[in-house]
Amino acid sequence: MNNKSEATMNNNSIVLNLISWLFGIAVIAIGLVNVFWGNDLGFGIFLLLLSLVYFPPLSAMLKEKTNLSIPGIVKFLLGVFILWAALGVGELFGKIDLMMSSF
């Protein structure tokens, strides 16, 4: 029974790490769009820095160096804020159209 609970925890950890990697990459992409096509250099750099929170190796390094870790709920709320800011206020789709028209 103990092996089954360990396997379930391991599978959950793998899924959460995968989601974290994918969201971090998505935030980097949003940040790059804002830096190069969005006329919003500051917001783009801010998003690029925030994306670092979502990469598991960087989170592990932060915990190792400072003994601090960012709880999952904080990462989730930060992700909601990033999506709200990029999609609603930041007009991401308009910036993507601008980017695609420049190719």
PDB file of N, CA and C in Angstrom:
ATOM      1  N   MET A   1       0.819  -1.186   0.000  1.00  0.00           N
ATOM      2  CA  MET A   1       0.000   0.000   0.000  1.00  0.00           C
ATOM      3  C   MET A   1       0.868   1.257   0.000  1.00  0.00           C
ATOM      4  N   ASN A   2       1.976   1.210   0.674  1.00  0.00           N
ATOM      5  CA  ASN A   2       2.880   2.351   0.724  1.00  0.00           C
ATOM      6  C   ASN A   2       3.481   2.638  -0.644  1.00  0.00           C
ATOM      7  N   ASN A   3       3.796   1.579  -1.405  1.00  0.00           N
ATOM      8  CA  ASN A   3       4.349   1.764  -2.749  1.00  0.00           C
ATOM      9  C   ASN A   3       3.348   2.440  -3.666  1.00  0.00           C
ATOM     10  N   LYS A   4       2.067   2.111  -3.497  1.00  0.00           N
ATOM     11  CA  LYS A   4       1.028   2.712  -4.335  1.00  0.00           C
ATOM     12  C   LYS A   4       0.905   4.204  -4.056  1.00  0.00           C
ATOM     13  N   SER A   5       0.945   4.605  -2.795  1.00  0.00           N
ATOM     14  CA  SER A   5       0.838   6.033  -2.469  1.00  0.00           C
ATOM     15  C   SER A   5       2.088   6.788  -2.926  1.00  0.00           C
ATOM     16  N   GLU A   6       3.253   6.153  -2.860  1.00  0.00           N
ATOM     17  CA  GLU A   6       4.474   6.788  -3.357  1.00  0.00           C
ATOM     18  C   GLU A   6       4.428   6.958  -4.872  1.00  0.00           C
ATOM     19  N   ALA A   7       3.889   5.956  -5.572  1.00  0.00           N
ATOM     20  CA  ALA A   7       3.766   6.045  -7.030  1.00  0.00           C
ATOM     21  C   ALA A   7       2.784   7.139  -7.420  1.00  0.00           C
ATOM     22  N   THR A   8       1.691   7.259  -6.687  1.00  0.00           N
ATOM     23  CA  THR A   8       0.716   8.310  -6.967  1.00  0.00           C
ATOM     24  C   THR A   8       1.328   9.678  -6.734  1.00  0.00           C
ATOM     25  N   MET A   9       2.077   9.845  -5.645  1.00  0.00           N
ATOM     26  CA  MET A   9       2.734  11.124  -5.367  1.00  0.00           C
ATOM     27  C   MET A   9       3.756  11.434  -6.445  1.00  0.00           C
ATOM     28  N   ASN A  10       4.490  10.429  -6.909  1.00  0.00           N
ATOM     29  CA  ASN A  10       5.490  10.630  -7.954  1.00  0.00           C
ATOM     30  C   ASN A  10       4.822  11.051  -9.257  1.00  0.00           C
ATOM     31  N   ASN A  11       3.698  10.404  -9.608  1.00  0.00           N
ATOM     32  CA  ASN A  11       2.970  10.777 -10.824  1.00  0.00           C
ATOM     33  C   ASN A  11       2.423  12.192 -10.726  1.00  0.00           C
ATOM     34  N   ASN A  12       1.889  12.564  -9.563  1.00  0.00           N
ATOM     35  CA  ASN A  12       1.397  13.927  -9.370  1.00  0.00           C
ATOM     36  C   ASN A  12       2.526  14.932  -9.505  1.00  0.00           C
ATOM     37  N   SER A  13       3.683  14.599  -8.965  1.00  0.00           N
ATOM     38  CA  SER A  13       4.839  15.486  -9.048  1.00  0.00           C
ATOM     39  C   SER A  13       5.277  15.682 -10.499  1.00  0.00           C
ATOM     40  N   ILE A  14       5.265  14.612 -11.265  1.00  0.00           N
ATOM     41  CA  ILE A  14       5.647  14.701 -12.680  1.00  0.00           C
ATOM     42  C   ILE A  14       4.668  15.582 -13.435  1.00  0.00           C
ATOM     43  N   VAL A  15       3.381  15.398 -13.187  1.00  0.00           N
ATOM     44  CA  VAL A  15       2.361  16.198 -13.875  1.00  0.00           C
ATOM     45  C   VAL A  15       2.484  17.669 -13.485  1.00  0.00           C
ATOM     46  N   LEU A  16       2.665  17.941 -12.198  1.00  0.00           N
ATOM     47  CA  LEU A  16       2.797  19.334 -11.755  1.00  0.00           C
ATOM     48  C   LEU A  16       4.051  19.986 -12.322  1.00  0.00           C
ATOM     49  N   ASN A  17       5.148  19.241 -12.392  1.00  0.00           N
ATOM     50  CA  ASN A  17       6.370  19.782 -12.997  1.00  0.00           C
ATOM     51  C   ASN A  17       6.176  20.072 -14.478  1.00  0.00           C
ATOM     52  N   LEU A  18       5.482  19.192 -15.183  1.00  0.00           N
ATOM     53  CA  LEU A  18       5.213  19.410 -16.599  1.00  0.00           C
ATOM     54  C   LEU A  18       4.349  20.650 -16.809  1.00  0.00           C
ATOM     55  N   ILE A  19       3.309  20.799 -16.004  1.00  0.00           N
ATOM     56  CA  ILE A  19       2.455  21.984 -16.098  1.00  0.00           C
ATOM     57  C   ILE A  19       3.263  23.233 -15.795  1.00  0.00           C
ATOM     58  N   SER A  20       4.121  23.160 -14.805  1.00  0.00           N
ATOM     59  CA  SER A  20       4.949  24.308 -14.438  1.00  0.00           C
ATOM     60  C   SER A  20       5.891  24.696 -15.573  1.00  0.00           C
ATOM     61  N   TRP A  21       6.544  23.714 -16.193  1.00  0.00           N
ATOM     62  CA  TRP A  21       7.420  23.985 -17.335  1.00  0.00           C
ATOM     63  C   TRP A  21       6.646  24.626 -18.478  1.00  0.00           C
ATOM     64  N   LEU A  22       5.486  24.049 -18.813  1.00  0.00           N
ATOM     65  CA  LEU A  22       4.699  24.564 -19.936  1.00  0.00           C
ATOM     66  C   LEU A  22       4.206  25.983 -19.675  1.00  0.00           C
ATOM     67  N   PHE A  23       3.752  26.256 -18.456  1.00  0.00           N
ATOM     68  CA  PHE A  23       3.285  27.604 -18.150  1.00  0.00           C
ATOM     69  C   PHE A  23       4.450  28.594 -18.156  1.00  0.00           C
ATOM     70  N   GLY A  24       5.604  28.171 -17.652  1.00  0.00           N
ATOM     71  CA  GLY A  24       6.787  29.040 -17.696  1.00  0.00           C
ATOM     72  C   GLY A  24       7.176  29.395 -19.119  1.00  0.00           C
ATOM     73  N   ILE A  25       7.131  28.423 -20.014  1.00  0.00           N
ATOM     74  CA  ILE A  25       7.452  28.670 -21.423  1.00  0.00           C
ATOM     75  C   ILE A  25       6.413  29.594 -22.047  1.00  0.00           C
ATOM     76  N   ALA A  26       5.141  29.407 -21.700  1.00  0.00           N
ATOM     77  CA  ALA A  26       4.082  30.276 -22.226  1.00  0.00           C
ATOM     78  C   ALA A  26       4.276  31.715 -21.753  1.00  0.00           C
ATOM     79  N   VAL A  27       4.663  31.892 -20.507  1.00  0.00           N
ATOM     80  CA  VAL A  27       4.887  33.245 -19.980  1.00  0.00           C
ATOM     81  C   VAL A  27       6.108  33.882 -20.645  1.00  0.00           C
ATOM     82  N   ILE A  28       7.133  33.087 -20.926  1.00  0.00           N
ATOM     83  CA  ILE A  28       8.281  33.621 -21.669  1.00  0.00           C
ATOM     84  C   ILE A  28       7.836  34.094 -23.047  1.00  0.00           C
ATOM     85  N   ALA A  29       7.008  33.310 -23.713  1.00  0.00           N
ATOM     86  CA  ALA A  29       6.520  33.701 -25.046  1.00  0.00           C
ATOM     87  C   ALA A  29       5.709  34.994 -24.965  1.00  0.00           C
ATOM     88  N   ILE A  30       4.852  35.113 -23.975  1.00  0.00           N
ATOM     89  CA  ILE A  30       4.064  36.339 -23.803  1.00  0.00           C
ATOM     90  C   ILE A  30       4.984  37.517 -23.522  1.00  0.00           C
ATOM     91  N   GLY A  31       5.989  37.295 -22.699  1.00  0.00           N
ATOM     92  CA  GLY A  31       6.950  38.353 -22.396  1.00  0.00           C
ATOM     93  C   GLY A  31       7.723  38.803 -23.625  1.00  0.00           C
ATOM     94  N   LEU A  32       8.139  37.849 -24.452  1.00  0.00           N
ATOM     95  CA  LEU A  32       8.878  38.198 -25.672  1.00  0.00           C
ATOM     96  C   LEU A  32       8.005  38.966 -26.663  1.00  0.00           C
ATOM     97  N   VAL A  33       6.746  38.575 -26.766  1.00  0.00           N
ATOM     98  CA  VAL A  33       5.829  39.321 -27.642  1.00  0.00           C
ATOM     99  C   VAL A  33       5.708  40.760 -27.158  1.00  0.00           C
ATOM    100  N   ASN A  34       5.605  40.939 -25.855  1.00  0.00           N
ATOM    101  CA  ASN A  34       5.489  42.290 -25.311  1.00  0.00           C
ATOM    102  C   ASN A  34       6.772  43.095 -25.477  1.00  0.00           C
ATOM    103  N   VAL A  35       7.907  42.450 -25.380  1.00  0.00           N
ATOM    104  CA  VAL A  35       9.175  43.164 -25.529  1.00  0.00           C
ATOM    105  C   VAL A  35       9.381  43.626 -26.966  1.00  0.00           C
ATOM    106  N   PHE A  36       9.143  42.743 -27.933  1.00  0.00           N
ATOM    107  CA  PHE A  36       9.521  43.054 -29.304  1.00  0.00           C
ATOM    108  C   PHE A  36       8.396  43.638 -30.155  1.00  0.00           C
ATOM    109  N   TRP A  37       7.139  43.325 -29.855  1.00  0.00           N
ATOM    110  CA  TRP A  37       6.052  43.805 -30.714  1.00  0.00           C
ATOM    111  C   TRP A  37       4.999  44.588 -29.953  1.00  0.00           C
ATOM    112  N   GLY A  38       5.151  44.730 -28.676  1.00  0.00           N
ATOM    113  CA  GLY A  38       4.065  45.288 -27.906  1.00  0.00           C
ATOM    114  C   GLY A  38       4.227  46.720 -27.467  1.00  0.00           C
ATOM    115  N   ASN A  39       5.339  47.353 -27.784  1.00  0.00           N
ATOM    116  CA  ASN A  39       5.588  48.704 -27.293  1.00  0.00           C
ATOM    117  C   ASN A  39       5.479  48.763 -25.773  1.00  0.00           C
ATOM    118  N   ASP A  40       5.821  47.682 -25.126  1.00  0.00           N
ATOM    119  CA  ASP A  40       5.712  47.618 -23.674  1.00  0.00           C
ATOM    120  C   ASP A  40       6.911  46.859 -23.105  1.00  0.00           C
ATOM    121  N   LEU A  41       8.071  47.443 -23.250  1.00  0.00           N
ATOM    122  CA  LEU A  41       9.320  46.796 -22.848  1.00  0.00           C
ATOM    123  C   LEU A  41       9.327  46.434 -21.362  1.00  0.00           C
ATOM    124  N   GLY A  42       8.872  47.350 -20.516  1.00  0.00           N
ATOM    125  CA  GLY A  42       8.885  47.102 -19.073  1.00  0.00           C
ATOM    126  C   GLY A  42       8.012  45.930 -18.674  1.00  0.00           C
ATOM    127  N   PHE A  43       6.810  45.871 -19.234  1.00  0.00           N
ATOM    128  CA  PHE A  43       5.892  44.771 -18.922  1.00  0.00           C
ATOM    129  C   PHE A  43       6.456  43.450 -19.443  1.00  0.00           C
ATOM    130  N   GLY A  44       7.062  43.474 -20.624  1.00  0.00           N
ATOM    131  CA  GLY A  44       7.649  42.257 -21.179  1.00  0.00           C
ATOM    132  C   GLY A  44       8.785  41.725 -20.324  1.00  0.00           C
ATOM    133  N   ILE A  45       9.654  42.603 -19.881  1.00  0.00           N
ATOM    134  CA  ILE A  45      10.762  42.182 -19.012  1.00  0.00           C
ATOM    135  C   ILE A  45      10.227  41.681 -17.677  1.00  0.00           C
ATOM    136  N   PHE A  46       9.194  42.353 -17.157  1.00  0.00           N
ATOM    137  CA  PHE A  46       8.557  41.918 -15.921  1.00  0.00           C
ATOM    138  C   PHE A  46       8.020  40.492 -16.069  1.00  0.00           C
ATOM    139  N   LEU A  47       7.369  40.202 -17.189  1.00  0.00           N
ATOM    140  CA  LEU A  47       6.858  38.851 -17.422  1.00  0.00           C
ATOM    141  C   LEU A  47       7.985  37.841 -17.578  1.00  0.00           C
ATOM    142  N   LEU A  48       9.052  38.235 -18.254  1.00  0.00           N
ATOM    143  CA  LEU A  48      10.196  37.324 -18.394  1.00  0.00           C
ATOM    144  C   LEU A  48      10.769  36.960 -17.023  1.00  0.00           C
ATOM    145  N   LEU A  49      10.851  37.929 -16.133  1.00  0.00           N
ATOM    146  CA  LEU A  49      11.353  37.647 -14.785  1.00  0.00           C
ATOM    147  C   LEU A  49      10.376  36.782 -13.989  1.00  0.00           C
ATOM    148  N   LEU A  50       9.077  37.064 -14.126  1.00  0.00           N
ATOM    149  CA  LEU A  50       8.079  36.258 -13.415  1.00  0.00           C
ATOM    150  C   LEU A  50       8.059  34.814 -13.911  1.00  0.00           C
ATOM    151  N   SER A  51       8.391  34.603 -15.175  1.00  0.00           N
ATOM    152  CA  SER A  51       8.375  33.238 -15.709  1.00  0.00           C
ATOM    153  C   SER A  51       9.386  32.345 -15.007  1.00  0.00           C
ATOM    154  N   LEU A  52      10.417  32.913 -14.450  1.00  0.00           N
ATOM    155  CA  LEU A  52      11.443  32.122 -13.772  1.00  0.00           C
ATOM    156  C   LEU A  52      10.892  31.375 -12.566  1.00  0.00           C
ATOM    157  N   VAL A  53       9.815  31.887 -11.989  1.00  0.00           N
ATOM    158  CA  VAL A  53       9.194  31.245 -10.831  1.00  0.00           C
ATOM    159  C   VAL A  53       8.683  29.850 -11.169  1.00  0.00           C
ATOM    160  N   TYR A  54       8.314  29.633 -12.421  1.00  0.00           N
ATOM    161  CA  TYR A  54       7.638  28.396 -12.809  1.00  0.00           C
ATOM    162  C   TYR A  54       8.578  27.268 -13.223  1.00  0.00           C
ATOM    163  N   PHE A  55       9.854  27.511 -13.330  1.00  0.00           N
ATOM    164  CA  PHE A  55      10.785  26.462 -13.741  1.00  0.00           C
ATOM    165  C   PHE A  55      11.306  25.715 -12.516  1.00  0.00           C
ATOM    166  N   PRO A  56      11.028  24.396 -12.434  1.00  0.00           N
ATOM    167  CA  PRO A  56      11.408  23.624 -11.246  1.00  0.00           C
ATOM    168  C   PRO A  56      12.890  23.707 -10.859  1.00  0.00           C
ATOM    169  N   PRO A  57      13.844  23.691 -11.804  1.00  0.00           N
ATOM    170  CA  PRO A  57      15.236  23.792 -11.360  1.00  0.00           C
ATOM    171  C   PRO A  57      15.542  25.136 -10.672  1.00  0.00           C
ATOM    172  N   LEU A  58      14.930  26.195 -11.149  1.00  0.00           N
ATOM    173  CA  LEU A  58      15.156  27.494 -10.523  1.00  0.00           C
ATOM    174  C   LEU A  58      14.474  27.578  -9.164  1.00  0.00           C
ATOM    175  N   SER A  59      13.310  26.954  -9.033  1.00  0.00           N
ATOM    176  CA  SER A  59      12.638  26.897  -7.732  1.00  0.00           C
ATOM    177  C   SER A  59      13.475  26.101  -6.733  1.00  0.00           C
ATOM    178  N   ALA A  60      14.058  24.997  -7.196  1.00  0.00           N
ATOM    179  CA  ALA A  60      14.913  24.185  -6.320  1.00  0.00           C
ATOM    180  C   ALA A  60      16.161  24.962  -5.912  1.00  0.00           C
ATOM    181  N   MET A  61      16.722  25.724  -6.850  1.00  0.00           N
ATOM    182  CA  MET A  61      17.908  26.524  -6.538  1.00  0.00           C
ATOM    183  C   MET A  61      17.568  27.611  -5.518  1.00  0.00           C
ATOM    184  N   LEU A  62      16.403  28.242  -5.664  1.00  0.00           N
ATOM    185  CA  LEU A  62      15.969  29.253  -4.714  1.00  0.00           C
ATOM    186  C   LEU A  62      15.824  28.655  -3.323  1.00  0.00           C
ATOM    187  N   LYS A  63      15.231  27.463  -3.265  1.00  0.00           N
ATOM    188  CA  LYS A  63      15.058  26.801  -1.970  1.00  0.00           C
ATOM    189  C   LYS A  63      16.399  26.418  -1.370  1.00  0.00           C
ATOM    190  N   GLU A  64      17.321  25.962  -2.209  1.00  0.00           N
ATOM    191  CA  GLU A  64      18.638  25.558  -1.722  1.00  0.00           C
ATOM    192  C   GLU A  64      19.440  26.752  -1.199  1.00  0.00           C
ATOM    193  N   LYS A  65      19.397  27.862  -1.937  1.00  0.00           N
ATOM    194  CA  LYS A  65      20.216  29.031  -1.578  1.00  0.00           C
ATOM    195  C   LYS A  65      19.626  29.830  -0.423  1.00  0.00           C
ATOM    196  N   THR A  66      18.299  29.993  -0.416  1.00  0.00           N
ATOM    197  CA  THR A  66      17.677  30.883   0.565  1.00  0.00           C
ATOM    198  C   THR A  66      16.794  30.160   1.575  1.00  0.00           C
ATOM    199  N   ASN A  67      16.576  28.866   1.369  1.00  0.00           N
ATOM    200  CA  ASN A  67      15.690  28.058   2.206  1.00  0.00           C
ATOM    201  C   ASN A  67      14.244  28.568   2.155  1.00  0.00           C
ATOM    202  N   LEU A  68      13.892  29.245   1.071  1.00  0.00           N
ATOM    203  CA  LEU A  68      12.534  29.714   0.840  1.00  0.00           C
ATOM    204  C   LEU A  68      11.968  29.018  -0.385  1.00  0.00           C
ATOM    205  N   SER A  69      10.698  28.695  -0.327  1.00  0.00           N
ATOM    206  CA  SER A  69      10.041  28.136  -1.503  1.00  0.00           C
ATOM    207  C   SER A  69       8.723  28.875  -1.716  1.00  0.00           C
ATOM    208  N   ILE A  70       8.304  28.943  -2.958  1.00  0.00           N
ATOM    209  CA  ILE A  70       7.061  29.623  -3.294  1.00  0.00           C
ATOM    210  C   ILE A  70       5.956  28.576  -3.295  1.00  0.00           C
ATOM    211  N   PRO A  71       4.943  28.767  -2.445  1.00  0.00           N
ATOM    212  CA  PRO A  71       3.855  27.774  -2.383  1.00  0.00           C
ATOM    213  C   PRO A  71       3.087  27.688  -3.694  1.00  0.00           C
ATOM    214  N   GLY A  72       2.494  26.544  -3.934  1.00  0.00           N
ATOM    215  CA  GLY A  72       1.747  26.306  -5.164  1.00  0.00           C
ATOM    216  C   GLY A  72       0.588  27.272  -5.350  1.00  0.00           C
ATOM    217  N   ILE A  73      -0.099  27.617  -4.268  1.00  0.00           N
ATOM    218  CA  ILE A  73      -1.234  28.534  -4.384  1.00  0.00           C
ATOM    219  C   ILE A  73      -0.767  29.922  -4.819  1.00  0.00           C
ATOM    220  N   VAL A  74       0.411  30.329  -4.385  1.00  0.00           N
ATOM    221  CA  VAL A  74       0.956  31.626  -4.796  1.00  0.00           C
ATOM    222  C   VAL A  74       1.300  31.594  -6.284  1.00  0.00           C
ATOM    223  N   LYS A  75       1.878  30.482  -6.734  1.00  0.00           N
ATOM    224  CA  LYS A  75       2.172  30.334  -8.160  1.00  0.00           C
ATOM    225  C   LYS A  75       0.888  30.353  -8.982  1.00  0.00           C
ATOM    226  N   PHE A  76      -0.157  29.700  -8.477  1.00  0.00           N
ATOM    227  CA  PHE A  76      -1.432  29.680  -9.185  1.00  0.00           C
ATOM    228  C   PHE A  76      -2.022  31.087  -9.277  1.00  0.00           C
ATOM    229  N   LEU A  77      -2.053  31.808  -8.165  1.00  0.00           N
ATOM    230  CA  LEU A  77      -2.600  33.173  -8.168  1.00  0.00           C
ATOM    231  C   LEU A  77      -1.765  34.098  -9.045  1.00  0.00           C
ATOM    232  N   LEU A  78      -0.449  33.922  -9.033  1.00  0.00           N
ATOM    233  CA  LEU A  78       0.420  34.705  -9.911  1.00  0.00           C
ATOM    234  C   LEU A  78       0.122  34.390 -11.368  1.00  0.00           C
ATOM    235  N   GLY A  79      -0.136  33.119 -11.671  1.00  0.00           N
ATOM    236  CA  GLY A  79      -0.491  32.724 -13.031  1.00  0.00           C
ATOM    237  C   GLY A  79      -1.802  33.353 -13.482  1.00  0.00           C
ATOM    238  N   VAL A  80      -2.778  33.411 -12.590  1.00  0.00           N
ATOM    239  CA  VAL A  80      -4.054  34.065 -12.917  1.00  0.00           C
ATOM    240  C   VAL A  80      -3.813  35.544 -13.197  1.00  0.00           C
ATOM    241  N   PHE A  81      -2.996  36.192 -12.374  1.00  0.00           N
ATOM    242  CA  PHE A  81      -2.675  37.605 -12.592  1.00  0.00           C
ATOM    243  C   PHE A  81      -1.972  37.807 -13.938  1.00  0.00           C
ATOM    244  N   ILE A  82      -1.022  36.946 -14.250  1.00  0.00           N
ATOM    245  CA  ILE A  82      -0.283  37.063 -15.516  1.00  0.00           C
ATOM    246  C   ILE A  82      -1.240  36.920 -16.693  1.00  0.00           C
ATOM    247  N   LEU A  83      -2.106  35.924 -16.651  1.00  0.00           N
ATOM    248  CA  LEU A  83      -3.057  35.735 -17.743  1.00  0.00           C
ATOM    249  C   LEU A  83      -4.023  36.908 -17.854  1.00  0.00           C
ATOM    250  N   TRP A  84      -4.512  37.396 -16.737  1.00  0.00           N
ATOM    251  CA  TRP A  84      -5.417  38.544 -16.752  1.00  0.00           C
ATOM    252  C   TRP A  84      -4.723  39.770 -17.343  1.00  0.00           C
ATOM    253  N   ALA A  85      -3.503  40.020 -16.892  1.00  0.00           N
ATOM    254  CA  ALA A  85      -2.774  41.199 -17.369  1.00  0.00           C
ATOM    255  C   ALA A  85      -2.424  41.081 -18.846  1.00  0.00           C
ATOM    256  N   ALA A  86      -2.025  39.904 -19.277  1.00  0.00           N
ATOM    257  CA  ALA A  86      -1.598  39.738 -20.672  1.00  0.00           C
ATOM    258  C   ALA A  86      -2.779  39.701 -21.628  1.00  0.00           C
ATOM    259  N   LEU A  87      -3.826  38.996 -21.264  1.00  0.00           N
ATOM    260  CA  LEU A  87      -4.953  38.837 -22.177  1.00  0.00           C
ATOM    261  C   LEU A  87      -5.916  40.018 -22.118  1.00  0.00           C
ATOM    262  N   GLY A  88      -6.174  40.524 -20.939  1.00  0.00           N
ATOM    263  CA  GLY A  88      -7.151  41.593 -20.804  1.00  0.00           C
ATOM    264  C   GLY A  88      -6.548  42.959 -20.988  1.00  0.00           C
ATOM    265  N   VAL A  89      -5.706  43.333 -20.089  1.00  0.00           N
ATOM    266  CA  VAL A  89      -5.123  44.673 -20.083  1.00  0.00           C
ATOM    267  C   VAL A  89      -4.045  44.815 -21.151  1.00  0.00           C
ATOM    268  N   GLY A  90      -3.239  43.771 -21.332  1.00  0.00           N
ATOM    269  CA  GLY A  90      -2.109  43.850 -22.248  1.00  0.00           C
ATOM    270  C   GLY A  90      -2.449  43.657 -23.711  1.00  0.00           C
ATOM    271  N   GLU A  91      -3.696  43.317 -24.020  1.00  0.00           N
ATOM    272  CA  GLU A  91      -4.145  43.126 -25.400  1.00  0.00           C
ATOM    273  C   GLU A  91      -3.209  42.201 -26.182  1.00  0.00           C
ATOM    274  N   LEU A  92      -2.985  41.020 -25.648  1.00  0.00           N
ATOM    275  CA  LEU A  92      -2.039  40.068 -26.224  1.00  0.00           C
ATOM    276  C   LEU A  92      -2.407  39.680 -27.650  1.00  0.00           C
ATOM    277  N   PHE A  93      -3.684  39.466 -27.924  1.00  0.00           N
ATOM    278  CA  PHE A  93      -4.073  39.020 -29.256  1.00  0.00           C
ATOM    279  C   PHE A  93      -3.784  40.080 -30.317  1.00  0.00           C
ATOM    280  N   GLY A  94      -3.961  41.343 -29.975  1.00  0.00           N
ATOM    281  CA  GLY A  94      -3.605  42.419 -30.903  1.00  0.00           C
ATOM    282  C   GLY A  94      -2.115  42.451 -31.176  1.00  0.00           C
ATOM    283  N   LYS A  95      -1.325  42.187 -30.155  1.00  0.00           N
ATOM    284  CA  LYS A  95       0.135  42.165 -30.314  1.00  0.00           C
ATOM    285  C   LYS A  95       0.577  40.966 -31.149  1.00  0.00           C
ATOM    286  N   ILE A  96      -0.112  39.845 -30.979  1.00  0.00           N
ATOM    287  CA  ILE A  96       0.212  38.668 -31.788  1.00  0.00           C
ATOM    288  C   ILE A  96      -0.135  38.936 -33.251  1.00  0.00           C
ATOM    289  N   ASP A  97      -1.266  39.609 -33.510  1.00  0.00           N
ATOM    290  CA  ASP A  97      -1.606  39.982 -34.887  1.00  0.00           C
ATOM    291  C   ASP A  97      -0.542  40.897 -35.474  1.00  0.00           C
ATOM    292  N   LEU A  98      -0.074  41.845 -34.695  1.00  0.00           N
ATOM    293  CA  LEU A  98       0.994  42.739 -35.154  1.00  0.00           C
ATOM    294  C   LEU A  98       2.267  41.952 -35.471  1.00  0.00           C
ATOM    295  N   MET A  99       2.585  40.989 -34.589  1.00  0.00           N
ATOM    296  CA  MET A  99       3.772  40.158 -34.801  1.00  0.00           C
ATOM    297  C   MET A  99       3.636  39.341 -36.084  1.00  0.00           C
ATOM    298  N   MET A 100       2.475  38.741 -36.293  1.00  0.00           N
ATOM    299  CA  MET A 100       2.282  37.895 -37.468  1.00  0.00           C
ATOM    300  C   MET A 100       2.297  38.723 -38.763  1.00  0.00           C
ATOM    301  N   SER A 101       1.831  39.946 -38.707  1.00  0.00           N
ATOM    302  CA  SER A 101       1.829  40.781 -39.904  1.00  0.00           C
ATOM    303  C   SER A 101       3.237  41.269 -40.254  1.00  0.00           C
ATOM    304  N   SER A 102       4.159  41.232 -39.297  1.00  0.00           N
ATOM    305  CA  SER A 102       5.519  41.683 -39.578  1.00  0.00           C
ATOM    306  C   SER A 102       6.366  40.596 -40.246  1.00  0.00           C
ATOM    307  N   PHE A 103       5.838  39.369 -40.297  1.00  0.00           N
ATOM    308  CA  PHE A 103       6.590  38.291 -40.953  1.00  0.00           C
ATOM    309  C   PHE A 103       6.302  38.275 -42.392  1.00  0.00           C
TER     310      PHE A 103
END
